């Protein structure tokens, strides 16, 4: 029997076929989950419609700007009307102004700091709040983090601070939602060649560094992240909540 048969899920963060969110969504669908998708802005609408359409012409695809509570409310109202309940949510959303990912963290503007935290961290809180009333049978909410939340990664700057906020938010949400049997966890992925990652200065060098230093001497694949997403969504992870799971070929354990 498929691990996620009968599960209903909502995916935030697919931009194109290289997106980690898309890898996890495909893995969820292969294991039997029925999915709905959101997209951010007209620029990616066509991509998301084309990708998600592979799951059927009736796949629910909704616009959502996660900085707008009214957008999030509308998404969950429409998902509730279509599904009546929800078991899985993937939050793979992050953004900081490009200028804030260059130069010194010291020079981060107040506005860039606010935007990074609003989009990359607070949105998880808002999404969880919208999902909770539909998760009447319990469920799994998964966010995407990165090692820059824990240690300094040059050029990651304010995004690392926002990811630290995301991870802390995950723990507090896990505490609040635990009585409802809703689990909240983060996957901290090693570097993957996504649209967002290519906006980080020196990303190619980062890939080479991970391959050289990680115990497995390679970089994580999108399929492996999809498999981890299935695990955290499944009953196999029923006792796991509030955790950050590193999927980075062991890089996080290294001191030098």
Protein backbone atom coordinates (compact mmCIF):
# COMPACT_ATOMS: atom_id res chain seq x y z
CA UNK A 1 0.00 0.00 0.00
CA UNK A 2 1.24 3.50 -0.82
CA UNK A 3 2.59 5.39 2.20
CA UNK A 4 0.37 8.46 1.64
CA UNK A 5 -2.74 6.86 0.18
CA UNK A 6 -5.80 8.96 0.95
CA UNK A 7 -3.76 11.94 2.15
CA UNK A 8 -4.59 15.46 0.97
CA UNK A 9 -1.78 17.98 0.68
CA UNK A 10 -1.07 21.61 -0.15
CA UNK A 11 2.26 22.72 -1.61
CA UNK A 12 3.68 26.24 -1.33
CA UNK A 13 6.83 27.12 -3.23
CA UNK A 14 6.99 25.41 -6.61
CA UNK A 15 8.63 27.77 -9.11
CA UNK A 16 9.89 25.37 -11.77
CA UNK A 17 10.93 21.75 -12.27
CA UNK A 18 14.17 22.29 -10.31
CA UNK A 19 12.36 23.44 -7.16
CA UNK A 20 12.81 21.32 -4.06
CA UNK A 21 9.06 21.79 -3.53
CA UNK A 22 8.42 20.09 -6.86
CA UNK A 23 10.64 17.13 -5.96
CA UNK A 24 8.74 16.62 -2.70
CA UNK A 25 5.37 17.12 -4.40
CA UNK A 26 6.20 14.45 -6.99
CA UNK A 27 7.28 12.06 -4.25
CA UNK A 28 4.08 12.72 -2.29
CA UNK A 29 1.97 12.09 -5.39
CA UNK A 30 3.81 8.85 -6.20
CA UNK A 31 2.92 7.63 -2.72
CA UNK A 32 -0.77 8.31 -3.25
CA UNK A 33 -1.36 11.86 -1.98
CA UNK A 34 -3.78 14.18 -3.77
CA UNK A 35 -2.30 17.68 -3.97
CA UNK A 36 -3.18 21.32 -4.45
CA UNK A 37 -0.60 24.00 -5.31
CA UNK A 38 -0.07 27.70 -4.86
CA UNK A 39 2.09 30.01 -6.94
CA UNK A 40 3.67 33.39 -6.28
CA UNK A 41 2.93 35.92 -9.04
CA UNK A 42 2.22 35.74 -12.73
CA UNK A 43 5.89 35.15 -13.52
CA UNK A 44 5.72 31.51 -12.36
CA UNK A 45 2.03 30.82 -12.95
CA UNK A 46 2.53 29.11 -16.29
CA UNK A 47 5.32 26.89 -14.94
CA UNK A 48 3.25 25.75 -11.97
CA UNK A 49 0.17 25.14 -14.09
CA UNK A 50 2.17 23.02 -16.53
CA UNK A 51 3.87 20.98 -13.80
CA UNK A 52 0.87 20.50 -11.53
CA UNK A 53 -1.33 19.73 -14.51
CA UNK A 54 0.52 16.42 -14.79
CA UNK A 55 -1.48 15.27 -11.77
CA UNK A 56 -4.78 15.85 -13.56
CA UNK A 57 -6.72 18.66 -15.18
CA UNK A 58 -8.73 19.16 -12.01
CA UNK A 59 -5.67 19.86 -9.84
CA UNK A 60 -6.33 22.92 -7.67
CA UNK A 61 -3.80 25.70 -8.41
CA UNK A 62 -4.16 28.99 -6.56
CA UNK A 63 -2.29 32.32 -6.49
CA UNK A 64 -0.89 33.26 -3.09
CA UNK A 65 1.29 36.09 -1.87
CA UNK A 66 2.33 34.79 1.57
CA UNK A 67 2.85 38.36 2.83
CA UNK A 68 -0.91 38.96 2.51
CA UNK A 69 -3.14 37.35 5.14
CA UNK A 70 -6.15 37.72 2.87
CA UNK A 71 -4.41 35.61 0.20
CA UNK A 72 -3.60 32.88 2.70
CA UNK A 73 -7.16 32.94 4.07
CA UNK A 74 -8.57 32.63 0.56
CA UNK A 75 -6.29 29.69 -0.27
CA UNK A 76 -7.38 27.70 2.76
CA UNK A 77 -11.02 28.57 2.18
CA UNK A 78 -10.78 27.18 -1.36
CA UNK A 79 -8.79 24.13 -0.28
CA UNK A 80 -11.35 23.49 2.44
CA UNK A 81 -14.19 23.78 -0.06
CA UNK A 82 -12.48 21.31 -2.42
CA UNK A 83 -10.98 18.82 0.06
CA UNK A 84 -12.94 19.46 3.31
CA UNK A 85 -9.81 18.41 5.22
CA UNK A 86 -6.03 18.47 4.91
CA UNK A 87 -3.21 16.17 6.02
CA UNK A 88 -0.02 17.61 4.51
CA UNK A 89 1.43 21.08 3.99
CA UNK A 90 4.80 21.89 2.42
CA UNK A 91 6.18 25.38 3.05
CA UNK A 92 9.10 25.96 0.68
CA UNK A 93 9.05 29.74 0.53
CA UNK A 94 11.92 32.15 1.14
CA UNK A 95 13.06 35.51 -0.16
CA UNK A 96 15.42 38.36 0.66
CA UNK A 97 16.27 41.35 -1.52
CA UNK A 98 19.32 40.57 -3.65
CA UNK A 99 21.29 43.48 -2.23
CA UNK A 100 20.99 41.92 1.23
CA UNK A 101 22.74 38.78 -0.01
CA UNK A 102 25.82 40.72 -1.05
CA UNK A 103 28.44 42.49 1.02
CA UNK A 104 28.34 42.51 4.81
CA UNK A 105 25.45 41.38 6.99
CA UNK A 106 26.25 44.47 9.07
CA UNK A 107 24.84 46.61 6.28
CA UNK A 108 21.47 44.86 6.08
CA UNK A 109 18.76 47.49 5.85
CA UNK A 110 15.80 47.50 8.19
CA UNK A 111 13.48 46.93 5.24
CA UNK A 112 15.48 43.97 3.88
CA UNK A 113 15.49 42.42 7.35
CA UNK A 114 11.73 42.83 7.62
CA UNK A 115 11.04 41.40 4.17
CA UNK A 116 13.28 38.37 4.70
CA UNK A 117 11.58 37.49 7.98
CA UNK A 118 8.07 38.17 6.72
CA UNK A 119 8.39 35.99 3.62
CA UNK A 120 10.74 33.31 4.91
CA UNK A 121 9.68 32.82 8.54
CA UNK A 122 6.42 34.50 9.51
CA UNK A 123 4.66 32.98 6.52
CA UNK A 124 5.12 29.53 8.08
CA UNK A 125 3.18 30.73 11.12
CA UNK A 126 0.43 32.19 8.94
CA UNK A 127 0.22 29.05 6.79
CA UNK A 128 0.10 26.77 9.84
CA UNK A 129 -2.67 28.88 11.34
CA UNK A 130 -4.67 28.54 8.13
CA UNK A 131 -4.04 24.80 7.84
CA UNK A 132 -4.75 23.81 11.45
CA UNK A 133 -8.58 23.94 11.30
CA UNK A 134 -8.54 21.60 8.28
CA UNK A 135 -6.17 19.09 9.89
CA UNK A 136 -8.95 17.39 11.84
CA UNK A 137 -7.27 13.97 11.49
CA UNK A 138 -3.81 15.23 12.42
CA UNK A 139 -1.15 15.97 9.87
CA UNK A 140 2.36 17.01 8.92
CA UNK A 141 3.65 20.51 8.12
CA UNK A 142 7.13 20.65 6.61
CA UNK A 143 9.32 23.73 6.15
CA UNK A 144 12.60 24.05 4.27
CA UNK A 145 15.69 25.37 6.04
CA UNK A 146 19.45 25.51 5.48
CA UNK A 147 22.67 25.23 7.49
CA UNK A 148 23.09 29.01 7.31
CA UNK A 149 20.53 29.18 10.13
CA UNK A 150 23.09 27.60 12.45
CA UNK A 151 26.51 28.74 11.19
CA UNK A 152 27.79 31.64 9.12
CA UNK A 153 27.67 30.98 5.39
CA UNK A 154 29.25 33.85 3.46
CA UNK A 155 26.73 35.78 1.31
CA UNK A 156 23.73 34.06 2.94
CA UNK A 157 23.52 36.98 5.36
CA UNK A 158 20.00 37.97 6.42
CA UNK A 159 18.54 34.79 4.93
CA UNK A 160 20.48 32.78 7.50
CA UNK A 161 18.95 34.86 10.28
CA UNK A 162 15.49 34.41 8.78
CA UNK A 163 16.02 30.64 8.54
CA UNK A 164 17.00 30.61 12.23
CA UNK A 165 13.68 32.31 12.92
CA UNK A 166 11.94 29.70 10.76
CA UNK A 167 13.50 26.89 12.78
CA UNK A 168 12.52 28.48 16.10
CA UNK A 169 9.00 29.03 14.77
CA UNK A 170 8.87 25.34 13.86
CA UNK A 171 9.49 24.37 17.48
CA UNK A 172 6.85 26.71 18.88
CA UNK A 173 4.32 25.60 16.26
CA UNK A 174 5.07 21.95 17.07
CA UNK A 175 4.27 22.67 20.72
CA UNK A 176 1.03 24.50 19.93
CA UNK A 177 -0.24 21.97 17.38
CA UNK A 178 0.92 18.78 19.09
CA UNK A 179 -2.36 18.24 20.98
CA UNK A 180 -4.12 18.20 17.59
CA UNK A 181 -1.71 15.51 16.34
CA UNK A 182 -0.24 17.94 13.85
CA UNK A 183 3.53 17.61 13.50
CA UNK A 184 5.78 20.46 12.33
CA UNK A 185 9.34 19.83 11.14
CA UNK A 186 12.02 21.31 8.91
CA UNK A 187 14.26 19.72 6.33
CA UNK A 188 17.66 21.41 6.26
CA UNK A 189 18.84 20.56 2.76
CA UNK A 190 22.35 20.69 1.42
CA UNK A 191 22.82 23.00 -1.57
CA UNK A 192 20.71 22.12 -4.61
CA UNK A 193 20.85 23.92 -7.95
CA UNK A 194 17.49 25.73 -7.73
CA UNK A 195 16.38 29.12 -9.02
CA UNK A 196 16.64 30.59 -5.49
CA UNK A 197 20.08 29.09 -4.84
CA UNK A 198 21.54 30.61 -8.00
CA UNK A 199 20.84 34.02 -6.51
CA UNK A 200 23.48 33.39 -3.82
CA UNK A 201 26.92 34.71 -4.72
CA UNK A 202 29.50 31.92 -4.93
CA UNK A 203 26.91 29.14 -5.14
CA UNK A 204 28.99 27.01 -7.55
CA UNK A 205 31.90 27.18 -5.15
CA UNK A 206 29.55 26.11 -2.33
CA UNK A 207 28.58 22.98 -4.29
CA UNK A 208 32.23 22.05 -4.76
CA UNK A 209 33.00 22.70 -1.09
CA UNK A 210 30.18 20.44 0.13
CA UNK A 211 31.26 17.66 -2.20
CA UNK A 212 34.81 17.86 -0.88
CA UNK A 213 33.98 18.14 2.83
CA UNK A 214 30.80 16.12 3.42
CA UNK A 215 31.39 12.57 4.73
CA UNK A 216 29.63 11.10 1.69
CA UNK A 217 31.75 13.26 -0.64
CA UNK A 218 28.82 14.31 -2.79
CA UNK A 219 25.85 16.65 -2.82
CA UNK A 220 22.30 15.71 -1.98
CA UNK A 221 19.92 14.99 -4.86
CA UNK A 222 16.41 16.27 -5.38
CA UNK A 223 15.08 12.71 -5.30
CA UNK A 224 16.62 12.20 -1.86
CA UNK A 225 14.91 15.33 -0.58
CA UNK A 226 11.65 14.03 -2.03
CA UNK A 227 12.11 10.75 -0.16
CA UNK A 228 12.73 12.65 3.08
CA UNK A 229 9.57 14.64 2.47
CA UNK A 230 7.63 11.39 2.15
CA UNK A 231 9.12 10.05 5.38
CA UNK A 232 8.19 13.16 7.38
CA UNK A 233 4.69 13.09 5.91
CA UNK A 234 4.18 9.40 6.67
CA UNK A 235 3.27 7.40 9.77
CA UNK A 236 6.93 6.40 9.96
CA UNK A 237 7.61 9.86 11.41
CA UNK A 238 4.56 9.84 13.70
CA UNK A 239 6.69 10.54 16.79
CA UNK A 240 8.86 13.24 15.20
CA UNK A 241 7.93 16.90 15.64
CA UNK A 242 9.69 20.20 16.20
CA UNK A 243 12.87 18.88 14.59
CA UNK A 244 15.31 20.06 11.96
CA UNK A 245 16.38 17.06 9.87
CA UNK A 246 19.67 17.58 8.05
CA UNK A 247 19.73 16.04 4.59
CA UNK A 248 23.14 17.18 3.41
CA UNK A 249 25.31 14.07 3.00
CA UNK A 250 26.60 14.61 6.54
CA UNK A 251 28.10 18.07 6.05
CA UNK A 252 26.47 19.43 9.24
CA UNK A 253 28.50 17.13 11.50
CA UNK A 254 31.86 18.41 10.30
CA UNK A 255 33.98 20.79 12.33
CA UNK A 256 36.48 21.50 9.57
